[in-house]
C-alpha atoms as a PDB file:
ATOM      1  CA  MET A   1     106.237 146.636 129.098  1.00  0.00           C
ATOM      2  CA  THR A   2     102.934 148.050 128.043  1.00  0.00           C
ATOM      3  CA  ASP A   3     102.653 150.539 125.194  1.00  0.00           C
ATOM      4  CA  ASP A   4      99.981 152.597 126.921  1.00  0.00           C
ATOM      5  CA  PHE A   5     102.082 153.697 129.886  1.00  0.00           C
ATOM      6  CA  PRO A   6     105.727 154.823 129.765  1.00  0.00           C
ATOM      7  CA  PRO A   7     108.167 152.947 131.986  1.00  0.00           C
ATOM      8  CA  ILE A   8     109.487 154.078 135.334  1.00  0.00           C
ATOM      9  CA  LEU A   9     113.205 153.720 136.061  1.00  0.00           C
ATOM     10  CA  PHE A  10     114.181 153.135 139.690  1.00  0.00           C
ATOM     11  CA  LEU A  11     117.803 153.284 140.853  1.00  0.00           C
ATOM     12  CA  ASP A  12     119.331 152.025 144.088  1.00  0.00           C
ATOM     13  CA  ILE A  13     122.416 154.151 143.598  1.00  0.00           C
ATOM     14  CA  ALA A  14     125.787 153.052 144.969  1.00  0.00           C
ATOM     15  CA  THR A  15     129.111 151.867 143.543  1.00  0.00           C
ATOM     16  CA  THR A  16     127.145 148.755 142.624  1.00  0.00           C
ATOM     17  CA  THR A  17     123.859 150.233 141.438  1.00  0.00           C
ATOM     18  CA  GLY A  18     120.652 148.245 141.337  1.00  0.00           C
ATOM     19  CA  TRP A  19     118.186 149.237 138.629  1.00  0.00           C
ATOM     20  CA  CYS A  20     114.653 148.266 137.708  1.00  0.00           C
ATOM     21  CA  GLU A  21     112.509 149.557 134.859  1.00  0.00           C
ATOM     22  CA  GLY A  22     109.078 148.856 133.503  1.00  0.00           C
ATOM     23  CA  ALA A  23     105.622 150.254 133.044  1.00  0.00           C
ATOM     24  CA  PRO A  24     103.245 149.968 135.994  1.00  0.00           C
ATOM     25  CA  GLY A  25     101.342 146.706 135.638  1.00  0.00           C
ATOM     26  CA  ALA A  26     103.986 145.103 133.407  1.00  0.00           C
ATOM     27  CA  ARG A  27     106.822 142.735 134.332  1.00  0.00           C
ATOM     28  CA  PRO A  28     109.936 144.888 134.838  1.00  0.00           C
ATOM     29  CA  GLU A  29     113.509 144.262 133.818  1.00  0.00           C
ATOM     30  CA  SER A  30     116.169 144.636 136.508  1.00  0.00           C
ATOM     31  CA  GLY A  31     119.836 144.151 137.202  1.00  0.00           C
ATOM     32  CA  THR A  32     122.951 145.614 138.720  1.00  0.00           C
ATOM     33  CA  LEU A  33     125.726 147.754 137.343  1.00  0.00           C
ATOM     34  CA  ARG A  34     129.233 148.138 138.751  1.00  0.00           C
ATOM     35  CA  LEU A  35     130.159 151.809 138.241  1.00  0.00           C
ATOM     36  CA  CYS A  36     133.896 151.413 138.836  1.00  0.00           C
ATOM     37  CA  LYS A  37     136.420 148.864 139.990  1.00  0.00           C
ATOM     38  CA  THR A  38     136.759 148.087 143.696  1.00  0.00           C
ATOM     39  CA  GLY A  39     138.673 150.905 145.333  1.00  0.00           C
ATOM     40  CA  GLY A  40     138.066 153.204 142.357  1.00  0.00           C
ATOM     41  CA  ALA A  41     138.017 156.960 142.844  1.00  0.00           C
ATOM     42  CA  ASP A  42     134.767 158.865 143.256  1.00  0.00           C
ATOM     43  CA  ALA A  43     135.316 160.448 139.837  1.00  0.00           C
ATOM     44  CA  GLU A  44     135.379 156.974 138.234  1.00  0.00           C
ATOM     45  CA  ALA A  45     132.060 156.053 139.874  1.00  0.00           C
ATOM     46  CA  PHE A  46     130.503 159.408 138.918  1.00  0.00           C
ATOM     47  CA  GLY A  47     131.715 158.984 135.327  1.00  0.00           C
ATOM     48  CA  GLY A  48     130.396 155.413 135.176  1.00  0.00           C
ATOM     49  CA  LEU A  49     126.922 156.531 136.223  1.00  0.00           C
ATOM     50  CA  LEU A  50     127.038 159.569 133.933  1.00  0.00           C
ATOM     51  CA  ARG A  51     127.799 157.394 130.875  1.00  0.00           C
ATOM     52  CA  TRP A  52     125.359 154.557 131.666  1.00  0.00           C
ATOM     53  CA  LEU A  53     122.433 156.739 132.704  1.00  0.00           C
ATOM     54  CA  GLY A  54     123.052 159.297 129.955  1.00  0.00           C
ATOM     55  CA  ASP A  55     122.914 156.545 127.325  1.00  0.00           C
ATOM     56  CA  ARG A  56     119.787 155.035 128.850  1.00  0.00           C
ATOM     57  CA  LEU A  57     117.881 158.310 129.213  1.00  0.00           C
ATOM     58  CA  THR A  58     118.711 159.456 125.689  1.00  0.00           C
ATOM     59  CA  ALA A  59     117.701 156.114 124.163  1.00  0.00           C
ATOM     60  CA  ARG A  60     114.337 155.839 125.927  1.00  0.00           C
ATOM     61  CA  ARG A  61     111.630 158.079 127.356  1.00  0.00           C
ATOM     62  CA  TYR A  62     110.624 157.371 130.966  1.00  0.00           C
ATOM     63  CA  LEU A  63     107.569 158.595 132.840  1.00  0.00           C
ATOM     64  CA  ARG A  64     109.940 159.413 135.682  1.00  0.00           C
ATOM     65  CA  VAL A  65     113.270 158.480 137.173  1.00  0.00           C
ATOM     66  CA  VAL A  66     113.209 157.664 140.884  1.00  0.00           C
ATOM     67  CA  PHE A  67     116.170 156.903 143.109  1.00  0.00           C
ATOM     68  CA  GLU A  68     116.629 155.888 146.717  1.00  0.00           C
ATOM     69  CA  ALA A  69     117.502 158.909 148.830  1.00  0.00           C
ATOM     70  CA  PRO A  70     121.199 158.897 149.749  1.00  0.00           C
ATOM     71  CA  VAL A  71     120.691 160.071 153.323  1.00  0.00           C
ATOM     72  CA  GLY A  72     117.886 160.149 155.786  1.00  0.00           C
ATOM     73  CA  PRO A  73     116.487 158.494 158.866  1.00  0.00           C
ATOM     74  CA  GLY A  74     118.102 155.149 159.491  1.00  0.00           C
ATOM     75  CA  MET A  75     121.177 155.679 157.318  1.00  0.00           C
ATOM     76  CA  ASP A  76     123.567 155.659 160.253  1.00  0.00           C
ATOM     77  CA  LEU A  77     121.632 152.774 161.795  1.00  0.00           C
ATOM     78  CA  ALA A  78     122.260 150.792 158.615  1.00  0.00           C
ATOM     79  CA  GLY A  79     126.004 151.058 159.241  1.00  0.00           C
ATOM     80  CA  VAL A  80     126.695 153.772 156.644  1.00  0.00           C
ATOM     81  CA  THR A  81     128.635 156.145 158.858  1.00  0.00           C
ATOM     82  CA  ASN A  82     131.813 156.648 156.847  1.00  0.00           C
ATOM     83  CA  TRP A  83     131.890 160.206 155.486  1.00  0.00           C
ATOM     84  CA  LYS A  84     133.609 159.049 152.267  1.00  0.00           C
ATOM     85  CA  THR A  85     130.724 156.657 151.597  1.00  0.00           C
ATOM     86  CA  LYS A  86     128.164 159.380 152.290  1.00  0.00           C
ATOM     87  CA  ARG A  87     130.028 161.764 149.978  1.00  0.00           C
ATOM     88  CA  ARG A  88     130.036 159.190 147.170  1.00  0.00           C
ATOM     89  CA  LEU A  89     126.336 158.380 147.606  1.00  0.00           C
ATOM     90  CA  ILE A  90     125.336 162.043 147.596  1.00  0.00           C
ATOM     91  CA  GLY A  91     127.566 162.699 144.578  1.00  0.00           C
ATOM     92  CA  LEU A  92     126.105 159.771 142.643  1.00  0.00           C
ATOM     93  CA  CYS A  93     122.580 160.984 143.343  1.00  0.00           C
ATOM     94  CA  ALA A  94     123.565 164.465 142.182  1.00  0.00           C
ATOM     95  CA  VAL A  95     124.868 162.964 138.925  1.00  0.00           C
ATOM     96  CA  ALA A  96     121.611 161.027 138.430  1.00  0.00           C
ATOM     97  CA  GLU A  97     119.557 164.138 139.119  1.00  0.00           C
ATOM     98  CA  ALA A  98     121.599 166.222 136.671  1.00  0.00           C
ATOM     99  CA  VAL A  99     121.413 163.605 133.897  1.00  0.00           C
ATOM    100  CA  ALA A 100     117.652 163.164 134.346  1.00  0.00           C
ATOM    101  CA  HIS A 101     117.103 166.920 134.334  1.00  0.00           C
ATOM    102  CA  SER A 102     119.301 167.511 131.279  1.00  0.00           C
ATOM    103  CA  THR A 103     117.415 164.834 129.308  1.00  0.00           C
ATOM    104  CA  GLY A 104     114.008 166.216 130.293  1.00  0.00           C
ATOM    105  CA  HIS A 105     112.972 163.433 132.676  1.00  0.00           C
ATOM    106  CA  PRO A 106     111.110 164.176 135.906  1.00  0.00           C
ATOM    107  CA  VAL A 107     113.235 162.966 138.810  1.00  0.00           C
ATOM    108  CA  PHE A 108     112.177 162.000 142.328  1.00  0.00           C
ATOM    109  CA  GLU A 109     113.688 160.385 145.372  1.00  0.00           C
ATOM    110  CA  ALA A 110     112.154 158.039 147.918  1.00  0.00           C
ATOM    111  CA  SER A 111     113.524 157.024 151.309  1.00  0.00           C
ATOM    112  CA  ALA A 112     114.551 153.438 151.965  1.00  0.00           C
ATOM    113  CA  ILE A 113     112.338 153.371 155.053  1.00  0.00           C
ATOM    114  CA  THR A 114     109.258 154.424 153.056  1.00  0.00           C
ATOM    115  CA  ILE A 115     109.986 151.818 150.376  1.00  0.00           C
ATOM    116  CA  ARG A 116     110.507 149.045 152.935  1.00  0.00           C
ATOM    117  CA  LYS A 117     107.357 150.031 154.786  1.00  0.00           C
ATOM    118  CA  HIS A 118     105.451 149.719 151.508  1.00  0.00           C
ATOM    119  CA  VAL A 119     106.824 146.300 150.490  1.00  0.00           C
ATOM    120  CA  LEU A 120     107.449 144.763 153.929  1.00  0.00           C
ATOM    121  CA  GLY A 121     104.914 146.471 156.162  1.00  0.00           C
ATOM    122  CA  SER A 122     107.764 147.764 158.329  1.00  0.00           C
ATOM    123  CA  GLY A 123     110.354 150.395 157.513  1.00  0.00           C
ATOM    124  CA  ARG A 124     112.863 149.081 160.024  1.00  0.00           C
ATOM    125  CA  PRO A 125     113.155 145.273 159.895  1.00  0.00           C
ATOM    126  CA  ALA A 126     115.953 143.671 161.909  1.00  0.00           C
ATOM    127  CA  GLU A 127     117.864 142.687 158.759  1.00  0.00           C
ATOM    128  CA  PRO A 128     116.660 144.981 155.965  1.00  0.00           C
ATOM    129  CA  LYS A 129     118.701 143.532 153.088  1.00  0.00           C
ATOM    130  CA  LYS A 130     117.672 139.946 153.835  1.00  0.00           C
ATOM    131  CA  ALA A 131     114.046 140.965 154.390  1.00  0.00           C
ATOM    132  CA  VAL A 132     113.804 142.792 151.053  1.00  0.00           C
ATOM    133  CA  MET A 133     115.532 139.933 149.178  1.00  0.00           C
ATOM    134  CA  ALA A 134     113.090 137.422 150.683  1.00  0.00           C
ATOM    135  CA  ALA A 135     110.062 139.613 149.943  1.00  0.00           C
ATOM    136  CA  MET A 136     111.077 140.128 146.323  1.00  0.00           C
ATOM    137  CA  ARG A 137     111.602 136.385 145.857  1.00  0.00           C
ATOM    138  CA  LEU A 138     108.198 135.682 147.420  1.00  0.00           C
ATOM    139  CA  SER A 139     106.744 138.170 144.926  1.00  0.00           C
ATOM    140  CA  GLY A 140     108.121 136.122 142.024  1.00  0.00           C
ATOM    141  CA  PHE A 141     111.278 138.088 141.258  1.00  0.00           C
ATOM    142  CA  ASP A 142     114.783 136.637 141.170  1.00  0.00           C
ATOM    143  CA  PRO A 143     117.174 139.386 142.298  1.00  0.00           C
ATOM    144  CA  LYS A 144     120.845 138.422 142.042  1.00  0.00           C
ATOM    145  CA  ASP A 145     121.849 140.601 145.003  1.00  0.00           C
ATOM    146  CA  ASP A 146     120.490 143.098 147.520  1.00  0.00           C
ATOM    147  CA  ASN A 147     121.093 146.042 145.159  1.00  0.00           C
ATOM    148  CA  GLU A 148     118.793 144.546 142.541  1.00  0.00           C
ATOM    149  CA  ALA A 149     116.262 143.556 145.232  1.00  0.00           C
ATOM    150  CA  ASP A 150     116.214 147.125 146.591  1.00  0.00           C
ATOM    151  CA  ALA A 151     115.711 148.478 143.053  1.00  0.00           C
ATOM    152  CA  ILE A 152     112.791 146.112 142.418  1.00  0.00           C
ATOM    153  CA  ALA A 153     111.224 147.107 145.752  1.00  0.00           C
ATOM    154  CA  GLY A 154     111.699 150.784 144.899  1.00  0.00           C
ATOM    155  CA  TRP A 155     110.140 150.268 141.473  1.00  0.00           C
ATOM    156  CA  ILE A 156     107.124 148.541 143.061  1.00  0.00           C
ATOM    157  CA  TYR A 157     106.737 151.507 145.393  1.00  0.00           C
ATOM    158  CA  ALA A 158     107.125 154.080 142.597  1.00  0.00           C
ATOM    159  CA  CYS A 159     104.553 152.241 140.459  1.00  0.00           C
ATOM    160  CA  SER A 160     102.056 152.074 143.302  1.00  0.00           C
ATOM    161  CA  VAL A 161     102.345 155.801 143.850  1.00  0.00           C
ATOM    162  CA  THR A 162     101.992 156.430 140.107  1.00  0.00           C
ATOM    163  CA  GLU A 163      98.970 154.158 139.761  1.00  0.00           C
ATOM    164  CA  ARG A 164      97.216 156.027 142.571  1.00  0.00           C
ATOM    165  CA  GLN A 165      98.176 159.325 140.927  1.00  0.00           C
ATOM    166  CA  SER A 166      99.180 160.502 144.391  1.00  0.00           C
ATOM    167  CA  MET A 167     102.671 161.956 144.177  1.00  0.00           C
ATOM    168  CA  PRO A 168     102.856 163.415 147.717  1.00  0.00           C
ATOM    169  CA  LEU A 169     104.592 160.192 148.776  1.00  0.00           C
ATOM    170  CA  LEU A 170     107.502 161.042 146.483  1.00  0.00           C
ATOM    171  CA  ARG A 171     109.434 164.220 147.132  1.00  0.00           C
ATOM    172  CA  GLY A 172     110.509 165.959 143.948  1.00  0.00           C
ATOM    173  CA  ALA A 173     114.277 166.113 143.740  1.00  0.00           C
ATOM    174  CA  GLN A 174     114.243 169.077 141.368  1.00  0.00           C
END
């Protein structure tokens, strides 16, 4: 990461959260984090994110924290129709927003369709997860799963918006 520009943290928030951080123009670090065991209660997942993100945001200063919007156009098309899943995703995003706010970090959200349109040229590919994985690998990254690939794609998008100094593409979550 470069010393002249603070890093951006992007989160693809779910029970298995993909994350990517780095300064625009630098090689980012990325990975995945399992917030709770399979079948764990919402409170376990919320607590897992609260601890991990709280530690990260107190240890380091970020230019901004950006996460993939939990709902929006295409969510039901992607097969996420279960209300329990939607509740967990919205709750996890609320936790991320609260932690970022309480540690003084600007927080934004970006839609999956906007991110995919930026990195793929189309917001609605036939197989979004496979398309993003392939695109990230073609770009020289080595994501271990689709969560990490989505986080890398989101980070690329967030950096491009930052570098242009044109924040209208990101909607402030505050």
